[in-house]
Amino acid sequence: MEITDLTPAERRVWDAFPLGESVDFRDSDEAGPEPGTLWGPERTVRARVLRALLLDGPVRDGEIPALKVLGAHITGRLDLRYGTVEHAVRLRYCVFESVPVLYGAQFRTLVLSHSVLPGLTAGAIRVDGALRMTGCRFTDRVRLAGAHVGGAVFLDGTRLESPLTPAVPDPGEPPEAVLELNQALIGHDLIARGLVAHGLIRLNGATVAGDVNFDDAHLLAPGRTALHAENLTVGTDLRGMRMRARGRVNLSGARIPRHLNFAYVRLCHPEGQALRASSATIGELWLREAAPIEGVLNLRGAQLDLFHIAPEVWPDRVRIDGLSYRSLTPHLPAEQRLPLLEHEEGSYLPYAYEQLTTAYRTAGDDAAARTVQLAKLRRHRRTLPRHARLWGHLQDLTVGYGFRPMRAAGWLLALLLGGALTFALHHPHPLKPDEAPEFNALFYTVDLLLPIIGFGQESAFAPQGWYQWLSYTLIVTGWILATTIAAGISRSLSRQ
């Protein structure tokens, strides 16, 4: 390009480039541009002028060239695919007429903050430093799949819209992503605080060395997937405090070594899974003071160190088969946690009860752990045939499956007192009056109740009529109590 072809606005940019100086076309009181903003020739720069500067622009000895433009209207298509840009690029508060094509290009640093763009094609881009798109407005898709960014990626306050997203989603069509960062490698953080995305965000297979931050973000994809981050690898935390997601949040297989912080979050996808973190490995999952989840919570096969969730957050449908966690907060009575296990969409899951038991034992609450184990046996009883259920009901009634041993003592004491009082008022007849010992109502009842103990009373006296049936009842009840107590003690010892 000949320098004589430059407009006055372009001349300002051309002359500032070798000195690394900024060119600001904005008025002093001007706010950031909005979609549809049109500016005149006094602040219009052709994309091919910028391309010429970035690929083969003038340089001066002792100066560091850089492209720094604010408030320009960039016409034409900025095509830098596979190009190598050795200079910093900062195009802030600009309006782009066409989608920049940066596929496979290499940059030192790239800043597009507070600009309006009809999309961005930058798959496989390489950026040595930071990629800043803070406060941008994209009216079509942003494609950064396979990007390699040595620094951080900034998307805080950015709005992502796609005119191709249908009002009524077709379940047979794979959704187009408004932001593609799948298989990306980010050397520091991914900052997306306050992001507003009307459509799918893809992060599956991405690796972020630092944090992923979606605090105060709004992810809007009703009836579809809002965040697809399968097999995402995060170096430290994934934050989504106060995030609002209408659509599925998919973190299946993600690796988050410290915190998945969804405090105050609102997850809404009643058509299916609101949060899917199956097979994920997470240090601590926080759903503190979150709104009740609308949709399915899928944590099958997930491994957590700490799980913070209140009962009111738990949805009506969960998938927790194989979920492992070391501790559960806040610490609540077992009676408040147990109903949540009934929300499993599948069948009875003994492992879920074992995990809850382990959490209570880790917290030192052995009484709650025993309550969970008792609830597990009661839940298991519903899966058994009729005769086994009857035996289970009997064990539950008498000794609480071994978890309520004092209940058996109470039964025995009640039967002992009742029998002793009855036989004290109505002595049974001696079988051999000359050889019979002196009758003792208390020890006679003990002989009837406890089959392994004998005081010679039962063999010496024989009740008649109704009292004979009472003695039979005491004998049978004693055998049942003794058997169930033995079974309970055996189960208790096996737990130890």
Protein backbone atom coordinates (compact mmCIF):
# COMPACT_ATOMS: atom_id res chain seq x y z
CA MET A 1 0.00 0.00 0.00
CA GLU A 2 1.19 3.48 -0.80
CA ILE A 3 1.30 5.97 2.05
CA THR A 4 -0.41 8.52 -0.20
CA ASP A 5 -3.57 6.39 -0.05
CA LEU A 6 -4.06 7.06 3.68
CA THR A 7 -6.89 9.18 5.00
CA PRO A 8 -6.17 11.72 7.76
CA ALA A 9 -7.42 9.27 10.39
CA GLU A 10 -5.28 6.48 8.98
CA ARG A 11 -2.26 8.83 8.80
CA ARG A 12 -2.56 9.42 12.57
CA VAL A 13 -2.50 5.68 13.19
CA TRP A 14 0.36 5.12 10.73
CA ASP A 15 2.55 7.79 12.28
CA ALA A 16 1.87 6.67 15.85
CA PHE A 17 2.63 3.01 15.18
CA PRO A 18 6.47 3.09 15.06
CA LEU A 19 6.54 5.14 18.26
CA GLY A 20 4.14 2.83 20.11
CA GLU A 21 1.85 5.79 20.80
CA SER A 22 -1.91 5.68 21.28
CA VAL A 23 -4.41 7.25 18.89
CA ASP A 24 -7.68 8.12 20.60
CA PHE A 25 -10.57 9.15 18.34
CA ARG A 26 -13.10 9.43 21.17
CA ASP A 27 -14.74 12.54 22.53
CA SER A 28 -13.96 13.34 26.13
CA ASP A 29 -17.48 12.44 27.36
CA GLU A 30 -18.09 9.50 25.05
CA ALA A 31 -19.24 6.16 26.44
CA GLY A 32 -18.36 2.83 24.91
CA PRO A 33 -19.87 1.90 21.52
CA GLU A 34 -22.98 -0.23 21.11
CA PRO A 35 -23.98 -2.56 18.25
CA GLY A 36 -25.08 -0.46 15.28
CA THR A 37 -22.80 2.47 16.10
CA LEU A 38 -21.75 4.38 12.95
CA TRP A 39 -18.94 6.91 12.87
CA GLY A 40 -17.80 9.21 10.10
CA PRO A 41 -14.57 9.25 8.06
CA GLU A 42 -12.79 11.31 10.71
CA ARG A 43 -12.46 8.12 12.80
CA THR A 44 -12.65 5.40 10.15
CA VAL A 45 -9.66 3.13 9.53
CA ARG A 46 -9.54 0.42 6.90
CA ALA A 47 -8.65 -3.07 8.11
CA ARG A 48 -6.04 -3.47 5.36
CA VAL A 49 -4.15 -0.48 6.72
CA LEU A 50 -3.95 -2.17 10.12
CA ARG A 51 -2.88 -5.42 8.45
CA ALA A 52 -0.07 -3.66 6.61
CA LEU A 53 1.15 -2.06 9.83
CA LEU A 54 1.08 -5.30 11.81
CA LEU A 55 2.81 -7.45 9.21
CA ASP A 56 5.27 -4.98 7.67
CA GLY A 57 4.84 -1.58 9.29
CA PRO A 58 7.52 1.11 9.67
CA VAL A 59 9.92 0.92 12.60
CA ARG A 60 12.35 3.39 14.16
CA ASP A 61 15.59 2.71 15.89
CA GLY A 62 15.31 2.91 19.64
CA GLU A 63 11.46 2.71 19.57
CA ILE A 64 9.08 -0.19 20.25
CA PRO A 65 6.26 -0.25 17.68
CA ALA A 66 2.74 -1.00 18.80
CA LEU A 67 -0.77 -0.64 17.43
CA LYS A 68 -2.81 1.30 19.98
CA VAL A 69 -6.13 2.64 18.72
CA LEU A 70 -9.19 3.74 20.67
CA GLY A 71 -12.62 4.58 19.32
CA ALA A 72 -12.07 3.76 15.63
CA HIS A 73 -14.51 2.40 13.06
CA ILE A 74 -12.63 -0.41 11.35
CA THR A 75 -14.01 -1.18 7.90
CA GLY A 76 -13.33 -4.24 5.82
CA ARG A 77 -12.06 -7.56 7.14
CA LEU A 78 -8.96 -7.72 9.34
CA ASP A 79 -7.41 -10.90 7.94
CA LEU A 80 -4.29 -12.05 9.75
CA ARG A 81 -4.70 -15.81 9.45
CA TYR A 82 -1.42 -17.67 9.99
CA GLY A 83 0.39 -14.37 10.30
CA THR A 84 3.03 -13.54 12.89
CA VAL A 85 2.56 -10.20 14.64
CA GLU A 86 5.62 -9.11 16.59
CA HIS A 87 3.98 -6.02 18.08
CA ALA A 88 1.41 -5.39 20.79
CA VAL A 89 -2.12 -4.96 19.45
CA ARG A 90 -4.61 -2.85 21.42
CA LEU A 91 -7.83 -1.99 19.60
CA ARG A 92 -10.11 -0.69 22.35
CA TYR A 93 -13.56 0.92 22.11
CA CYS A 94 -13.56 0.15 18.39
CA VAL A 95 -16.39 -0.93 16.10
CA PHE A 96 -15.56 -3.66 13.58
CA GLU A 97 -17.53 -3.84 10.35
CA SER A 98 -16.57 -7.45 9.60
CA VAL A 99 -15.51 -10.49 11.56
CA PRO A 100 -11.73 -10.43 12.20
CA VAL A 101 -10.07 -13.60 10.89
CA LEU A 102 -7.10 -14.47 13.12
CA TYR A 103 -7.01 -18.26 12.66
CA GLY A 104 -3.56 -19.65 13.41
CA ALA A 105 -2.04 -16.19 13.90
CA GLN A 106 0.63 -15.45 16.51
CA PHE A 107 0.61 -12.37 18.74
CA ARG A 108 2.65 -10.98 21.59
CA THR A 109 -0.50 -9.58 23.23
CA LEU A 110 -3.98 -8.88 21.90
CA VAL A 111 -6.46 -6.42 23.40
CA LEU A 112 -9.96 -5.84 21.98
CA SER A 113 -11.57 -4.54 25.15
CA HIS A 114 -14.88 -2.63 25.05
CA SER A 115 -15.18 -3.08 21.30
CA VAL A 116 -18.17 -4.17 19.21
CA LEU A 117 -17.54 -7.06 16.83
CA PRO A 118 -19.80 -9.17 14.60
CA GLY A 119 -17.92 -12.25 15.82
CA LEU A 120 -14.33 -13.46 15.92
CA THR A 121 -12.62 -16.29 14.08
CA ALA A 122 -9.43 -17.08 15.97
CA GLY A 123 -9.14 -20.83 16.29
CA ALA A 124 -5.63 -22.13 17.00
CA ILE A 125 -4.46 -18.58 17.75
CA ARG A 126 -1.21 -18.18 19.71
CA VAL A 127 -0.85 -15.29 22.17
CA ASP A 128 2.30 -15.02 24.26
CA GLY A 129 0.77 -12.66 26.81
CA ALA A 130 -2.83 -11.85 27.69
CA LEU A 131 -5.89 -11.98 25.49
CA ARG A 132 -8.19 -9.19 26.65
CA MET A 133 -11.80 -8.94 25.49
CA THR A 134 -13.18 -7.20 28.57
CA GLY A 135 -16.52 -5.48 28.02
CA CYS A 136 -16.78 -6.49 24.37
CA ARG A 137 -20.06 -6.92 22.50
CA PHE A 138 -20.10 -9.84 20.05
CA THR A 139 -23.17 -10.13 17.85
CA ASP A 140 -22.10 -13.53 16.49
CA ARG A 141 -19.90 -16.44 17.45
CA VAL A 142 -16.44 -16.20 18.99
CA ARG A 143 -14.24 -19.07 17.85
CA LEU A 144 -11.13 -19.70 19.94
CA ALA A 145 -10.99 -23.50 19.82
CA GLY A 146 -7.47 -24.79 20.26
CA ALA A 147 -6.13 -21.37 21.28
CA HIS A 148 -2.83 -21.21 23.15
CA VAL A 149 -2.63 -18.20 25.46
CA GLY A 150 0.43 -17.82 27.64
CA GLY A 151 -1.21 -15.31 29.97
CA ALA A 152 -4.81 -14.83 31.07
CA VAL A 153 -7.99 -14.59 29.00
CA PHE A 154 -10.27 -11.72 30.07
CA LEU A 155 -13.98 -11.84 29.22
CA ASP A 156 -15.37 -9.96 32.21
CA GLY A 157 -18.40 -7.86 31.36
CA THR A 158 -18.51 -9.24 27.82
CA ARG A 159 -21.81 -9.91 26.00
CA LEU A 160 -22.06 -12.84 23.60
CA GLU A 161 -25.03 -13.05 21.27
CA SER A 162 -25.78 -15.14 18.22
CA PRO A 163 -28.50 -14.23 15.74
CA LEU A 164 -28.46 -17.84 14.54
CA THR A 165 -29.65 -19.24 17.88
CA PRO A 166 -33.27 -20.37 17.30
CA ALA A 167 -35.99 -19.18 19.65
CA VAL A 168 -37.19 -22.79 19.97
CA PRO A 169 -34.24 -25.21 20.06
CA ASP A 170 -34.34 -28.30 17.86
CA PRO A 171 -33.24 -31.28 20.00
CA GLY A 172 -31.96 -33.04 16.88
CA GLU A 173 -29.54 -30.24 15.99
CA PRO A 174 -26.19 -29.81 17.80
CA PRO A 175 -26.13 -26.30 19.23
CA GLU A 176 -23.79 -23.70 17.81
CA ALA A 177 -21.55 -22.19 20.46
CA VAL A 178 -21.45 -18.45 21.00
CA LEU A 179 -18.01 -19.00 22.55
CA GLU A 180 -15.70 -21.84 21.60
CA LEU A 181 -12.70 -22.41 23.87
CA ASN A 182 -12.62 -26.19 23.63
CA GLN A 183 -9.14 -27.73 23.72
CA ALA A 184 -7.69 -24.32 24.58
CA LEU A 185 -4.54 -23.98 26.68
CA ILE A 186 -4.51 -20.95 28.99
CA GLY A 187 -1.38 -20.26 30.98
CA HIS A 188 -2.97 -18.20 33.76
CA ASP A 189 -6.65 -17.46 34.49
CA LEU A 190 -9.89 -17.36 32.55
CA ILE A 191 -11.73 -14.33 33.90
CA ALA A 192 -15.39 -14.03 32.86
CA ARG A 193 -16.95 -12.07 35.73
CA GLY A 194 -20.31 -10.61 34.72
CA LEU A 195 -20.25 -12.35 31.35
CA VAL A 196 -23.61 -12.50 29.56
CA ALA A 197 -23.87 -15.32 27.03
CA HIS A 198 -26.98 -15.97 24.93
CA GLY A 199 -26.15 -19.52 23.89
CA LEU A 200 -23.65 -22.29 24.46
CA ILE A 201 -20.15 -21.82 25.87
CA ARG A 202 -17.76 -24.66 25.02
CA LEU A 203 -14.81 -25.36 27.29
CA ASN A 204 -14.59 -29.12 26.92
CA GLY A 205 -11.05 -30.44 27.00
CA ALA A 206 -9.63 -26.99 27.86
CA THR A 207 -6.76 -26.58 30.30
CA VAL A 208 -6.54 -23.49 32.50
CA ALA A 209 -3.44 -23.29 34.70
CA GLY A 210 -5.04 -20.86 37.16
CA ASP A 211 -8.66 -20.00 38.04
CA VAL A 212 -11.81 -20.05 35.96
CA ASN A 213 -14.05 -17.22 37.20
CA PHE A 214 -17.73 -16.94 36.22
CA ASP A 215 -18.80 -14.83 39.19
CA ASP A 216 -22.03 -12.89 38.45
CA ALA A 217 -22.20 -14.37 34.94
CA HIS A 218 -25.50 -14.94 33.14
CA LEU A 219 -25.50 -18.04 30.93
CA LEU A 220 -28.73 -18.09 28.95
CA ALA A 221 -29.57 -21.16 26.86
CA PRO A 222 -33.07 -22.23 27.93
CA GLY A 223 -33.80 -25.84 27.09
CA ARG A 224 -30.22 -26.52 25.96
CA THR A 225 -26.67 -26.63 27.31
CA ALA A 226 -25.38 -23.32 28.64
CA LEU A 227 -21.85 -24.42 29.62
CA HIS A 228 -20.21 -27.48 28.11
CA ALA A 229 -16.97 -28.09 30.00
CA GLU A 230 -16.44 -31.84 29.90
CA ASN A 231 -12.91 -32.88 30.90
CA LEU A 232 -12.00 -29.31 31.77
CA THR A 233 -8.75 -29.14 33.74
CA VAL A 234 -8.32 -26.23 36.16
CA GLY A 235 -5.16 -25.47 38.09
CA THR A 236 -6.86 -24.10 41.21
CA ASP A 237 -10.52 -22.98 41.47
CA LEU A 238 -13.63 -22.73 39.33
CA ARG A 239 -15.81 -19.92 40.65
CA GLY A 240 -19.40 -19.17 39.79
CA MET A 241 -20.64 -17.16 42.74
CA ARG A 242 -24.04 -15.55 42.03
CA MET A 243 -23.97 -17.07 38.55
CA ARG A 244 -27.32 -17.49 36.78
CA ALA A 245 -27.52 -20.41 34.37
CA ARG A 246 -30.66 -21.16 32.35
CA GLY A 247 -29.66 -24.38 30.66
CA ARG A 248 -27.43 -27.31 31.53
CA VAL A 249 -24.05 -26.77 33.17
CA ASN A 250 -21.93 -29.77 32.17
CA LEU A 251 -18.72 -30.35 34.13
CA SER A 252 -18.53 -34.09 33.55
CA GLY A 253 -15.00 -35.41 34.00
CA ALA A 254 -13.65 -32.01 35.09
CA ARG A 255 -10.54 -31.81 37.28
CA ILE A 256 -10.75 -29.01 39.85
CA PRO A 257 -8.20 -29.58 42.63
CA ARG A 258 -9.38 -26.90 45.05
CA HIS A 259 -12.83 -25.27 44.96
CA LEU A 260 -15.85 -25.43 42.73
CA ASN A 261 -17.53 -22.44 44.33
CA PHE A 262 -21.18 -22.11 43.29
CA ALA A 263 -22.28 -20.07 46.31
CA TYR A 264 -25.51 -18.10 45.71
CA VAL A 265 -25.83 -19.69 42.27
CA ARG A 266 -29.13 -20.21 40.47
CA LEU A 267 -29.24 -23.28 38.21
CA CYS A 268 -32.35 -23.78 36.10
CA HIS A 269 -32.85 -26.54 33.55
CA PRO A 270 -36.12 -28.29 34.42
CA GLU A 271 -36.03 -30.15 31.09
CA GLY A 272 -33.04 -32.25 32.19
CA GLN A 273 -29.78 -32.03 34.11
CA ALA A 274 -29.21 -28.61 35.64
CA LEU A 275 -25.73 -29.53 36.90
CA ARG A 276 -23.80 -32.51 35.61
CA ALA A 277 -20.48 -33.22 37.32
CA SER A 278 -20.39 -36.98 36.87
CA SER A 279 -16.92 -38.55 37.13
CA ALA A 280 -15.49 -35.16 38.11
CA THR A 281 -12.67 -34.85 40.63
CA ILE A 282 -13.19 -31.79 42.83
CA GLY A 283 -11.51 -30.66 46.03
CA GLU A 284 -14.48 -28.83 47.55
CA LEU A 285 -17.92 -28.30 45.99
CA TRP A 286 -19.70 -25.31 47.50
CA LEU A 287 -23.41 -24.68 46.92
CA ARG A 288 -23.70 -22.41 49.94
CA GLU A 289 -26.95 -20.40 50.03
CA ALA A 290 -27.70 -21.36 46.44
CA ALA A 291 -31.25 -21.26 45.11
CA PRO A 292 -33.06 -24.62 44.92
CA ILE A 293 -31.77 -26.43 41.85
CA GLU A 294 -34.39 -26.71 39.12
CA GLY A 295 -33.61 -29.88 37.24
CA VAL A 296 -31.49 -32.98 37.84
CA LEU A 297 -28.28 -32.88 39.88
CA ASN A 298 -25.94 -35.51 38.44
CA LEU A 299 -22.90 -36.37 40.57
CA ARG A 300 -22.49 -40.02 39.60
CA GLY A 301 -18.96 -41.24 40.13
CA ALA A 302 -17.74 -37.82 41.28
CA GLN A 303 -14.99 -37.61 43.89
CA LEU A 304 -15.15 -34.76 46.38
CA ASP A 305 -13.19 -33.98 49.49
CA LEU A 306 -15.86 -31.65 50.90
CA PHE A 307 -19.46 -31.18 49.79
CA HIS A 308 -21.33 -28.11 51.05
CA ILE A 309 -25.04 -28.27 50.27
CA ALA A 310 -28.10 -27.50 52.36
CA PRO A 311 -31.18 -29.75 52.12
CA GLU A 312 -33.29 -26.98 50.59
CA VAL A 313 -30.88 -26.71 47.64
CA TRP A 314 -31.17 -30.43 46.81
CA PRO A 315 -33.50 -30.96 43.82
CA ASP A 316 -36.29 -33.50 43.53
CA ARG A 317 -34.17 -35.65 41.19
CA VAL A 318 -30.55 -36.60 41.77
CA ARG A 319 -28.06 -39.12 40.40
CA ILE A 320 -25.49 -39.92 43.06
CA ASP A 321 -24.52 -43.53 42.36
CA GLY A 322 -20.80 -43.78 43.12
CA LEU A 323 -20.51 -40.27 44.59
CA SER A 324 -17.64 -40.14 47.08
CA TYR A 325 -17.00 -37.39 49.61
CA ARG A 326 -15.03 -37.18 52.85
CA SER A 327 -17.08 -34.56 54.70
CA LEU A 328 -20.49 -32.96 54.28
CA THR A 329 -21.36 -29.45 55.45
CA PRO A 330 -23.20 -27.79 57.05
CA HIS A 331 -23.37 -30.34 59.85
CA LEU A 332 -27.03 -31.27 60.27
CA PRO A 333 -28.94 -34.04 62.06
CA ALA A 334 -29.13 -37.25 60.07
CA GLU A 335 -32.91 -36.95 59.92
CA GLN A 336 -32.52 -33.86 57.68
CA ARG A 337 -30.09 -35.53 55.31
CA LEU A 338 -31.73 -38.94 54.91
CA PRO A 339 -34.78 -37.85 52.86
CA LEU A 340 -32.40 -36.52 50.20
CA LEU A 341 -31.17 -40.03 49.47
CA GLU A 342 -34.68 -40.94 48.41
CA HIS A 343 -34.42 -38.51 45.48
CA GLU A 344 -32.11 -40.85 43.53
CA GLU A 345 -33.61 -41.51 40.11
CA GLY A 346 -32.33 -45.09 40.11
CA SER A 347 -33.01 -47.89 42.55
CA TYR A 348 -31.87 -48.32 46.14
CA LEU A 349 -28.19 -47.32 46.48
CA PRO A 350 -26.49 -48.74 49.59
CA TYR A 351 -23.29 -46.88 48.71
CA ALA A 352 -25.02 -43.52 49.18
CA TYR A 353 -25.92 -44.46 52.76
CA GLU A 354 -22.36 -45.69 53.39
CA GLN A 355 -20.95 -42.38 52.20
CA LEU A 356 -23.26 -40.42 54.48
CA THR A 357 -22.31 -42.71 57.37
CA THR A 358 -18.62 -42.11 56.69
CA ALA A 359 -19.16 -38.34 56.63
CA TYR A 360 -20.85 -38.41 60.05
CA ARG A 361 -18.14 -40.63 61.51
CA THR A 362 -15.49 -38.28 60.13
CA ALA A 363 -17.29 -35.46 61.94
CA GLY A 364 -17.32 -37.54 65.14
CA ASP A 365 -21.12 -37.91 65.19
CA ASP A 366 -21.48 -41.65 65.81
CA ALA A 367 -25.14 -41.35 66.79
CA ALA A 368 -26.00 -39.84 63.40
CA ALA A 369 -23.91 -42.53 61.68
CA ARG A 370 -25.96 -45.23 63.42
CA THR A 371 -29.18 -43.49 62.39
CA VAL A 372 -28.06 -43.56 58.74
CA GLN A 373 -27.18 -47.25 58.95
CA LEU A 374 -30.59 -48.01 60.43
CA ALA A 375 -32.26 -46.04 57.62
CA LYS A 376 -30.20 -47.99 55.09
CA LEU A 377 -31.50 -51.32 56.43
CA ARG A 378 -35.06 -50.03 56.44
CA ARG A 379 -34.68 -48.85 52.84
CA HIS A 380 -33.17 -52.20 51.87
CA ARG A 381 -36.10 -53.99 53.49
CA ARG A 382 -38.43 -52.58 50.85
CA THR A 383 -36.53 -54.49 48.17
CA LEU A 384 -36.92 -57.90 49.89
CA PRO A 385 -39.64 -60.56 49.46
CA ARG A 386 -42.57 -60.57 51.87
CA HIS A 387 -41.25 -63.12 54.38
CA ALA A 388 -37.88 -61.35 54.59
CA ARG A 389 -39.64 -58.03 55.11
CA LEU A 390 -41.59 -59.50 58.03
CA TRP A 391 -38.38 -60.69 59.67
CA GLY A 392 -36.87 -57.28 59.04
CA HIS A 393 -39.83 -55.53 60.64
CA LEU A 394 -39.43 -57.76 63.67
CA GLN A 395 -35.72 -56.97 64.03
CA ASP A 396 -36.50 -53.28 63.59
CA LEU A 397 -39.26 -53.32 66.18
CA THR A 398 -37.29 -55.22 68.78
CA VAL A 399 -33.68 -54.06 68.53
CA GLY A 400 -33.62 -51.57 65.63
CA TYR A 401 -31.43 -53.97 63.60
CA GLY A 402 -28.90 -53.89 66.42
CA PHE A 403 -28.60 -50.10 66.40
CA ARG A 404 -31.12 -49.69 69.22
CA PRO A 405 -30.02 -52.29 71.81
CA MET A 406 -31.78 -50.52 74.67
CA ARG A 407 -35.06 -51.11 72.88
CA ALA A 408 -34.62 -54.90 73.40
CA ALA A 409 -33.83 -54.32 77.06
CA GLY A 410 -37.03 -52.32 77.35
CA TRP A 411 -39.07 -55.12 75.77
CA LEU A 412 -37.51 -57.70 78.07
CA LEU A 413 -38.06 -55.57 81.14
CA ALA A 414 -41.72 -54.96 80.21
CA LEU A 415 -42.35 -58.67 79.62
CA LEU A 416 -40.49 -59.61 82.80
CA LEU A 417 -42.49 -57.22 84.97
CA GLY A 418 -45.78 -58.14 83.32
CA GLY A 419 -45.16 -61.86 83.64
CA ALA A 420 -43.87 -61.66 87.19
CA LEU A 421 -46.89 -59.64 88.30
CA THR A 422 -49.33 -61.99 86.61
CA PHE A 423 -47.81 -65.16 88.03
CA ALA A 424 -47.41 -63.58 91.46
CA LEU A 425 -51.18 -63.11 91.57
CA HIS A 426 -51.94 -66.50 90.03
CA HIS A 427 -49.40 -69.16 91.04
CA PRO A 428 -49.11 -72.06 88.58
CA HIS A 429 -49.64 -75.54 90.03
CA PRO A 430 -46.53 -77.55 90.93
CA LEU A 431 -45.95 -80.72 88.93
CA LYS A 432 -44.62 -82.58 91.99
CA PRO A 433 -45.82 -80.83 95.12
CA ASP A 434 -43.48 -82.76 97.39
CA GLU A 435 -40.36 -82.00 95.34
CA ALA A 436 -41.16 -78.53 93.98
CA PRO A 437 -39.07 -75.59 95.23
CA GLU A 438 -40.71 -72.53 96.66
CA PHE A 439 -42.38 -70.63 93.81
CA ASN A 440 -40.79 -67.32 92.77
CA ALA A 441 -42.77 -65.37 90.16
CA LEU A 442 -39.78 -63.28 89.02
CA PHE A 443 -37.40 -66.17 88.40
CA TYR A 444 -40.19 -68.26 86.89
CA THR A 445 -40.72 -65.53 84.29
CA VAL A 446 -36.95 -65.32 83.71
CA ASP A 447 -36.91 -69.08 83.02
CA LEU A 448 -39.65 -68.64 80.43
CA LEU A 449 -38.08 -65.63 78.69
CA LEU A 450 -34.42 -66.62 78.55
CA PRO A 451 -33.91 -70.08 77.05
CA ILE A 452 -30.24 -70.33 78.01
CA ILE A 453 -30.84 -69.59 81.72
CA GLY A 454 -32.48 -72.08 84.09
CA PHE A 455 -33.46 -71.59 87.75
CA GLY A 456 -35.56 -74.76 88.01
CA GLN A 457 -38.84 -72.86 88.16
CA GLU A 458 -40.18 -73.61 84.68
CA SER A 459 -39.71 -77.39 85.01
CA ALA A 460 -41.35 -77.48 88.46
CA PHE A 461 -44.58 -75.57 87.77
CA ALA A 462 -47.25 -75.84 85.07
CA PRO A 463 -49.78 -73.03 84.53
CA GLN A 464 -53.22 -73.85 83.25
CA GLY A 465 -55.80 -72.26 80.98
CA TRP A 466 -55.09 -68.71 79.87
CA TYR A 467 -51.89 -68.56 81.94
CA GLN A 468 -50.52 -71.52 80.00
CA TRP A 469 -50.93 -69.54 76.77
CA LEU A 470 -49.19 -66.61 78.45
CA SER A 471 -46.24 -68.85 79.29
CA TYR A 472 -46.06 -70.03 75.67
CA THR A 473 -46.09 -66.43 74.51
CA LEU A 474 -43.23 -65.55 76.86
CA ILE A 475 -41.19 -68.53 75.65
CA VAL A 476 -41.66 -67.71 71.95
CA THR A 477 -41.06 -64.00 72.54
CA GLY A 478 -37.95 -64.79 74.52
CA TRP A 479 -36.55 -66.90 71.71
CA ILE A 480 -37.27 -64.18 69.15
CA LEU A 481 -35.73 -61.47 71.30
CA ALA A 482 -32.67 -63.59 72.02
CA THR A 483 -32.19 -64.33 68.31
CA THR A 484 -32.61 -60.74 67.20
CA ILE A 485 -30.33 -59.48 69.97
CA ALA A 486 -27.68 -61.97 68.88
CA ALA A 487 -28.09 -60.85 65.25
CA GLY A 488 -27.82 -57.19 66.30
CA ILE A 489 -24.72 -57.80 68.39
CA SER A 490 -23.15 -59.71 65.51
CA ARG A 491 -23.91 -56.84 63.11
CA SER A 492 -22.55 -54.30 65.57
CA LEU A 493 -19.32 -56.25 65.99
CA SER A 494 -18.93 -56.61 62.24
CA ARG A 495 -19.18 -52.80 61.88
CA GLN A 496 -16.31 -52.44 64.30
